[in-house]
C-alpha atoms as a PDB file:
ATOM      1  CA  MET A   1    -140.359  -9.913 -52.704  1.00  0.00           C
ATOM      2  CA  THR A   2    -136.788 -11.397 -53.139  1.00  0.00           C
ATOM      3  CA  VAL A   3    -135.250 -13.629 -50.773  1.00  0.00           C
ATOM      4  CA  ASP A   4    -131.706 -15.338 -50.607  1.00  0.00           C
ATOM      5  CA  VAL A   5    -131.211 -18.281 -48.134  1.00  0.00           C
ATOM      6  CA  VAL A   6    -127.592 -18.427 -46.847  1.00  0.00           C
ATOM      7  CA  LEU A   7    -126.196 -21.871 -45.916  1.00  0.00           C
ATOM      8  CA  PRO A   8    -123.006 -21.934 -44.259  1.00  0.00           C
ATOM      9  CA  CYS A   9    -121.431 -25.136 -45.256  1.00  0.00           C
ATOM     10  CA  LEU A  10    -118.427 -27.001 -44.169  1.00  0.00           C
ATOM     11  CA  ASP A  11    -118.252 -30.749 -45.315  1.00  0.00           C
ATOM     12  CA  GLU A  12    -122.125 -31.290 -45.718  1.00  0.00           C
ATOM     13  CA  ALA A  13    -122.499 -33.251 -48.932  1.00  0.00           C
ATOM     14  CA  GLU A  14    -124.552 -35.647 -47.370  1.00  0.00           C
ATOM     15  CA  ALA A  15    -127.265 -33.196 -46.428  1.00  0.00           C
ATOM     16  CA  LEU A  16    -126.956 -30.792 -49.338  1.00  0.00           C
ATOM     17  CA  PRO A  17    -129.475 -32.543 -51.909  1.00  0.00           C
ATOM     18  CA  TRP A  18    -132.191 -32.583 -49.219  1.00  0.00           C
ATOM     19  CA  VAL A  19    -131.518 -29.138 -48.028  1.00  0.00           C
ATOM     20  CA  LEU A  20    -131.382 -27.505 -51.348  1.00  0.00           C
ATOM     21  CA  ALA A  21    -134.686 -29.203 -52.606  1.00  0.00           C
ATOM     22  CA  ARG A  22    -136.440 -27.849 -49.663  1.00  0.00           C
ATOM     23  CA  VAL A  23    -135.558 -24.265 -50.460  1.00  0.00           C
ATOM     24  CA  PRO A  24    -138.727 -22.351 -51.169  1.00  0.00           C
ATOM     25  CA  ALA A  25    -139.361 -22.028 -54.969  1.00  0.00           C
ATOM     26  CA  GLY A  26    -138.164 -18.836 -56.411  1.00  0.00           C
ATOM     27  CA  TRP A  27    -135.896 -18.240 -53.491  1.00  0.00           C
ATOM     28  CA  ARG A  28    -132.195 -18.351 -54.105  1.00  0.00           C
ATOM     29  CA  ALA A  29    -129.853 -20.598 -52.306  1.00  0.00           C
ATOM     30  CA  ILE A  30    -126.457 -19.051 -51.256  1.00  0.00           C
ATOM     31  CA  VAL A  31    -124.006 -22.085 -50.318  1.00  0.00           C
ATOM     32  CA  VAL A  32    -121.113 -20.541 -48.515  1.00  0.00           C
ATOM     33  CA  ASP A  33    -118.444 -23.285 -48.535  1.00  0.00           C
ATOM     34  CA  ASN A  34    -115.953 -22.703 -45.522  1.00  0.00           C
ATOM     35  CA  GLY A  35    -113.286 -25.078 -46.606  1.00  0.00           C
ATOM     36  CA  SER A  36    -115.206 -28.333 -47.415  1.00  0.00           C
ATOM     37  CA  SER A  37    -113.063 -31.171 -48.375  1.00  0.00           C
ATOM     38  CA  ASP A  38    -115.823 -33.516 -49.268  1.00  0.00           C
ATOM     39  CA  GLY A  39    -116.918 -32.029 -52.482  1.00  0.00           C
ATOM     40  CA  SER A  40    -119.726 -29.771 -51.139  1.00  0.00           C
ATOM     41  CA  ALA A  41    -119.253 -26.758 -53.184  1.00  0.00           C
ATOM     42  CA  GLU A  42    -118.944 -28.469 -56.391  1.00  0.00           C
ATOM     43  CA  LEU A  43    -122.461 -30.657 -55.462  1.00  0.00           C
ATOM     44  CA  ALA A  44    -124.003 -27.334 -54.381  1.00  0.00           C
ATOM     45  CA  ALA A  45    -123.325 -25.849 -57.715  1.00  0.00           C
ATOM     46  CA  ASP A  46    -124.416 -28.869 -59.700  1.00  0.00           C
ATOM     47  CA  LEU A  47    -127.916 -28.595 -57.792  1.00  0.00           C
ATOM     48  CA  GLY A  48    -128.187 -25.076 -58.772  1.00  0.00           C
ATOM     49  CA  ALA A  49    -126.968 -23.069 -55.694  1.00  0.00           C
ATOM     50  CA  THR A  50    -124.992 -20.058 -55.749  1.00  0.00           C
ATOM     51  CA  VAL A  51    -121.378 -21.180 -54.271  1.00  0.00           C
ATOM     52  CA  VAL A  52    -119.334 -18.403 -52.622  1.00  0.00           C
ATOM     53  CA  HIS A  53    -116.080 -19.622 -51.075  1.00  0.00           C
ATOM     54  CA  GLU A  54    -115.092 -18.355 -47.558  1.00  0.00           C
ATOM     55  CA  PRO A  55    -111.377 -19.152 -46.601  1.00  0.00           C
ATOM     56  CA  ARG A  56    -111.786 -17.507 -43.191  1.00  0.00           C
ATOM     57  CA  ARG A  57    -112.720 -20.492 -41.122  1.00  0.00           C
ATOM     58  CA  GLY A  58    -115.992 -19.949 -38.614  1.00  0.00           C
ATOM     59  CA  PHE A  59    -119.695 -19.814 -38.789  1.00  0.00           C
ATOM     60  CA  GLY A  60    -119.950 -16.275 -38.645  1.00  0.00           C
ATOM     61  CA  ALA A  61    -117.498 -15.662 -41.449  1.00  0.00           C
ATOM     62  CA  ALA A  62    -119.607 -18.181 -43.569  1.00  0.00           C
ATOM     63  CA  CYS A  63    -122.765 -16.345 -42.723  1.00  0.00           C
ATOM     64  CA  HIS A  64    -121.245 -12.798 -43.448  1.00  0.00           C
ATOM     65  CA  ALA A  65    -119.906 -13.859 -46.604  1.00  0.00           C
ATOM     66  CA  GLY A  66    -123.347 -15.012 -47.596  1.00  0.00           C
ATOM     67  CA  LEU A  67    -124.650 -11.626 -46.535  1.00  0.00           C
ATOM     68  CA  THR A  68    -122.557  -9.702 -48.475  1.00  0.00           C
ATOM     69  CA  ALA A  69    -122.999 -12.081 -51.660  1.00  0.00           C
ATOM     70  CA  ALA A  70    -126.763 -11.499 -51.232  1.00  0.00           C
ATOM     71  CA  ASP A  71    -128.621  -8.929 -53.140  1.00  0.00           C
ATOM     72  CA  ALA A  72    -132.218  -9.901 -52.266  1.00  0.00           C
ATOM     73  CA  GLU A  73    -134.356  -7.843 -50.346  1.00  0.00           C
ATOM     74  CA  PHE A  74    -134.828 -10.290 -47.519  1.00  0.00           C
ATOM     75  CA  VAL A  75    -131.794 -12.647 -46.377  1.00  0.00           C
ATOM     76  CA  CYS A  76    -132.597 -16.061 -44.669  1.00  0.00           C
ATOM     77  CA  PHE A  77    -130.200 -18.060 -42.588  1.00  0.00           C
ATOM     78  CA  CYS A  78    -130.233 -21.695 -42.199  1.00  0.00           C
ATOM     79  CA  ASP A  79    -127.796 -24.426 -40.905  1.00  0.00           C
ATOM     80  CA  CYS A  80    -126.834 -26.842 -44.086  1.00  0.00           C
ATOM     81  CA  ASP A  81    -126.686 -30.209 -42.233  1.00  0.00           C
ATOM     82  CA  ALA A  82    -130.046 -30.992 -42.455  1.00  0.00           C
ATOM     83  CA  SER A  83    -131.205 -30.572 -38.976  1.00  0.00           C
ATOM     84  CA  LEU A  84    -133.469 -27.624 -40.093  1.00  0.00           C
ATOM     85  CA  ASP A  85    -136.065 -27.622 -42.788  1.00  0.00           C
ATOM     86  CA  PRO A  86    -135.687 -24.664 -45.338  1.00  0.00           C
ATOM     87  CA  GLY A  87    -138.973 -25.146 -46.467  1.00  0.00           C
ATOM     88  CA  LEU A  88    -140.243 -23.482 -42.906  1.00  0.00           C
ATOM     89  CA  LEU A  89    -138.441 -20.250 -43.727  1.00  0.00           C
ATOM     90  CA  PRO A  90    -141.382 -18.524 -45.359  1.00  0.00           C
ATOM     91  CA  GLY A  91    -143.320 -18.450 -41.914  1.00  0.00           C
ATOM     92  CA  LEU A  92    -140.315 -17.154 -39.863  1.00  0.00           C
ATOM     93  CA  ALA A  93    -138.631 -13.679 -38.910  1.00  0.00           C
ATOM     94  CA  LEU A  94    -135.874 -13.465 -36.222  1.00  0.00           C
ATOM     95  CA  SER A  95    -135.757 -16.084 -33.593  1.00  0.00           C
ATOM     96  CA  TRP A  96    -133.305 -15.903 -30.522  1.00  0.00           C
ATOM     97  CA  LEU A  97    -133.085 -16.169 -26.750  1.00  0.00           C
ATOM     98  CA  VAL A  98    -131.328 -13.909 -24.717  1.00  0.00           C
ATOM     99  CA  ARG A  99    -134.046 -12.198 -23.100  1.00  0.00           C
ATOM    100  CA  ARG A 100    -131.753 -10.556 -20.443  1.00  0.00           C
ATOM    101  CA  ARG A 101    -129.662  -8.591 -22.850  1.00  0.00           C
ATOM    102  CA  THR A 102    -132.697  -7.776 -25.295  1.00  0.00           C
ATOM    103  CA  GLY A 103    -136.011  -7.748 -23.506  1.00  0.00           C
ATOM    104  CA  LEU A 104    -136.978  -9.922 -26.235  1.00  0.00           C
ATOM    105  CA  LEU A 105    -139.336 -12.762 -25.182  1.00  0.00           C
ATOM    106  CA  LEU A 106    -137.641 -15.476 -27.141  1.00  0.00           C
ATOM    107  CA  HIS A 107    -137.358 -19.404 -26.665  1.00  0.00           C
ATOM    108  CA  ASP A 108    -134.300 -20.139 -28.669  1.00  0.00           C
ATOM    109  CA  LEU A 109    -131.102 -18.803 -30.373  1.00  0.00           C
ATOM    110  CA  GLY A 110    -132.017 -20.839 -33.543  1.00  0.00           C
ATOM    111  CA  PRO A 111    -129.982 -20.582 -36.733  1.00  0.00           C
ATOM    112  CA  MET A 112    -133.110 -19.932 -38.953  1.00  0.00           C
ATOM    113  CA  ARG A 113    -133.982 -16.090 -39.111  1.00  0.00           C
ATOM    114  CA  VAL A 114    -135.226 -13.695 -42.019  1.00  0.00           C
ATOM    115  CA  ALA A 115    -134.733  -9.914 -42.311  1.00  0.00           C
ATOM    116  CA  ARG A 116    -134.048  -7.530 -44.646  1.00  0.00           C
ATOM    117  CA  ARG A 117    -130.423  -7.268 -46.168  1.00  0.00           C
ATOM    118  CA  GLU A 118    -130.055  -3.812 -46.213  1.00  0.00           C
ATOM    119  CA  ALA A 119    -131.118  -3.425 -42.647  1.00  0.00           C
ATOM    120  CA  LEU A 120    -128.811  -6.449 -41.728  1.00  0.00           C
ATOM    121  CA  LEU A 121    -125.814  -4.585 -43.233  1.00  0.00           C
ATOM    122  CA  GLU A 122    -126.594  -1.435 -41.102  1.00  0.00           C
ATOM    123  CA  LEU A 123    -126.120  -3.370 -38.117  1.00  0.00           C
ATOM    124  CA  GLY A 124    -122.234  -3.615 -38.812  1.00  0.00           C
ATOM    125  CA  LEU A 125    -122.033  -7.224 -37.392  1.00  0.00           C
ATOM    126  CA  SER A 126    -118.600  -7.914 -36.797  1.00  0.00           C
ATOM    127  CA  ASP A 127    -118.264 -11.499 -35.210  1.00  0.00           C
ATOM    128  CA  ARG A 128    -117.187 -13.962 -37.604  1.00  0.00           C
ATOM    129  CA  ARG A 129    -117.593 -17.344 -35.690  1.00  0.00           C
ATOM    130  CA  SER A 130    -120.200 -18.751 -32.942  1.00  0.00           C
ATOM    131  CA  GLY A 131    -121.206 -15.259 -31.727  1.00  0.00           C
ATOM    132  CA  TYR A 132    -122.547 -14.112 -35.326  1.00  0.00           C
ATOM    133  CA  PRO A 133    -126.284 -15.175 -34.717  1.00  0.00           C
ATOM    134  CA  LEU A 134    -126.343 -13.805 -31.314  1.00  0.00           C
ATOM    135  CA  GLN A 135    -124.870 -10.415 -32.033  1.00  0.00           C
ATOM    136  CA  MET A 136    -127.287 -10.311 -35.074  1.00  0.00           C
ATOM    137  CA  VAL A 137    -130.339 -10.567 -32.565  1.00  0.00           C
ATOM    138  CA  VAL A 138    -128.453  -8.366 -30.034  1.00  0.00           C
ATOM    139  CA  ARG A 139    -128.031  -5.434 -32.463  1.00  0.00           C
ATOM    140  CA  ALA A 140    -131.237  -5.956 -33.901  1.00  0.00           C
ATOM    141  CA  ALA A 141    -132.962  -5.440 -30.288  1.00  0.00           C
ATOM    142  CA  ASP A 142    -130.704  -2.523 -29.856  1.00  0.00           C
ATOM    143  CA  ALA A 143    -131.872  -0.909 -33.085  1.00  0.00           C
ATOM    144  CA  GLY A 144    -135.442  -1.407 -31.933  1.00  0.00           C
ATOM    145  CA  TRP A 145    -136.491  -4.090 -34.614  1.00  0.00           C
ATOM    146  CA  ARG A 146    -139.726  -5.977 -34.339  1.00  0.00           C
ATOM    147  CA  VAL A 147    -138.649  -9.762 -33.763  1.00  0.00           C
ATOM    148  CA  ARG A 148    -141.181 -12.507 -34.164  1.00  0.00           C
ATOM    149  CA  GLU A 149    -140.389 -16.034 -32.933  1.00  0.00           C
ATOM    150  CA  THR A 150    -141.823 -19.089 -34.657  1.00  0.00           C
ATOM    151  CA  ASP A 151    -141.413 -22.739 -33.451  1.00  0.00           C
ATOM    152  CA  VAL A 152    -140.100 -25.264 -36.130  1.00  0.00           C
ATOM    153  CA  PRO A 153    -139.203 -28.996 -35.909  1.00  0.00           C
ATOM    154  CA  TYR A 154    -135.570 -29.909 -35.200  1.00  0.00           C
ATOM    155  CA  ARG A 155    -134.377 -32.881 -37.459  1.00  0.00           C
ATOM    156  CA  PRO A 156    -131.352 -35.303 -36.840  1.00  0.00           C
ATOM    157  CA  ARG A 157    -128.486 -33.408 -38.400  1.00  0.00           C
ATOM    158  CA  ALA A 158    -126.557 -35.228 -41.181  1.00  0.00           C
ATOM    159  CA  GLY A 159    -122.817 -35.687 -40.238  1.00  0.00           C
ATOM    160  CA  ARG A 160    -121.084 -34.438 -37.097  1.00  0.00           C
ATOM    161  CA  SER A 161    -121.446 -31.321 -35.411  1.00  0.00           C
ATOM    162  CA  LYS A 162    -118.564 -28.976 -35.720  1.00  0.00           C
ATOM    163  CA  VAL A 163    -119.312 -27.209 -32.494  1.00  0.00           C
ATOM    164  CA  THR A 164    -121.633 -29.257 -29.976  1.00  0.00           C
ATOM    165  CA  GLY A 165    -120.144 -32.224 -28.795  1.00  0.00           C
ATOM    166  CA  THR A 166    -116.765 -31.039 -28.890  1.00  0.00           C
ATOM    167  CA  TRP A 167    -115.149 -29.487 -25.875  1.00  0.00           C
ATOM    168  CA  LYS A 168    -113.295 -26.915 -28.179  1.00  0.00           C
ATOM    169  CA  GLY A 169    -116.367 -26.102 -30.081  1.00  0.00           C
ATOM    170  CA  THR A 170    -118.530 -25.616 -27.058  1.00  0.00           C
ATOM    171  CA  TRP A 171    -115.597 -23.394 -25.419  1.00  0.00           C
ATOM    172  CA  GLN A 172    -115.415 -21.274 -28.445  1.00  0.00           C
ATOM    173  CA  ALA A 173    -119.112 -20.524 -28.849  1.00  0.00           C
ATOM    174  CA  VAL A 174    -119.536 -19.877 -25.097  1.00  0.00           C
ATOM    175  CA  HIS A 175    -116.407 -17.541 -25.682  1.00  0.00           C
ATOM    176  CA  ASP A 176    -117.580 -15.701 -28.783  1.00  0.00           C
ATOM    177  CA  MET A 177    -121.353 -15.406 -26.946  1.00  0.00           C
ATOM    178  CA  ARG A 178    -120.046 -13.915 -23.941  1.00  0.00           C
ATOM    179  CA  ARG A 179    -118.159 -11.474 -25.911  1.00  0.00           C
ATOM    180  CA  VAL A 180    -121.312 -10.491 -27.935  1.00  0.00           C
ATOM    181  CA  LEU A 181    -123.409  -9.987 -24.729  1.00  0.00           C
ATOM    182  CA  ASP A 182    -120.712  -8.024 -23.240  1.00  0.00           C
ATOM    183  CA  GLU A 183    -120.946  -5.313 -25.960  1.00  0.00           C
ATOM    184  CA  PRO A 184    -122.335  -2.152 -24.765  1.00  0.00           C
ATOM    185  CA  ALA A 185    -126.038  -1.471 -25.774  1.00  0.00           C
ATOM    186  CA  ALA A 186    -126.410   0.763 -28.883  1.00  0.00           C
ATOM    187  CA  SER A 187    -129.134   3.207 -29.163  1.00  0.00           C
ATOM    188  CA  GLY A 188    -131.220   2.886 -32.302  1.00  0.00           C
ATOM    189  CA  GLY A 189    -134.704   2.849 -33.624  1.00  0.00           C
ATOM    190  CA  GLY A 190    -136.515   1.433 -36.491  1.00  0.00           C
ATOM    191  CA  ASP A 191    -138.908  -1.294 -37.514  1.00  0.00           C
ATOM    192  CA  ARG A 192    -137.078  -3.630 -39.984  1.00  0.00           C
END
């Protein structure tokens, strides 16, 4: 089993050493630099991560750049701010809230998730901002994927949030997610 861990990154130099040290042994860390000005990309490379540069700002743009750079059978996504422990990824599968739209009995729309790379690419994910994680779960549910939720501890983040705590970030996330939820349900099937 090969696994790539996509870590969207915007000015996370403070968190990178801890985050990269917690990526499971034998798994490849792909740090997607989204325009950092604090040396995050250089530090990630020095710490052994594969670094991808994504000039288009946005969480979804960074996630998708990492997905397309991945070549492992499984791809994991994890925030790069030290709020989540990548060491917990081996026990996870897709985790999201959005019961009404998907019918999945989930408790959170967490930024840690695991799925097969080829299956993710087949979903045709198009959101490149805050709606990316939600679009992933909605399209996975529409395609009939099995989804399992696993609780993980949430740690205090390193640095400031680029979304929560700001009016603009919160508005943009709500707007992006509303757009995803308004997409018509796609028919599909399969066990990924």
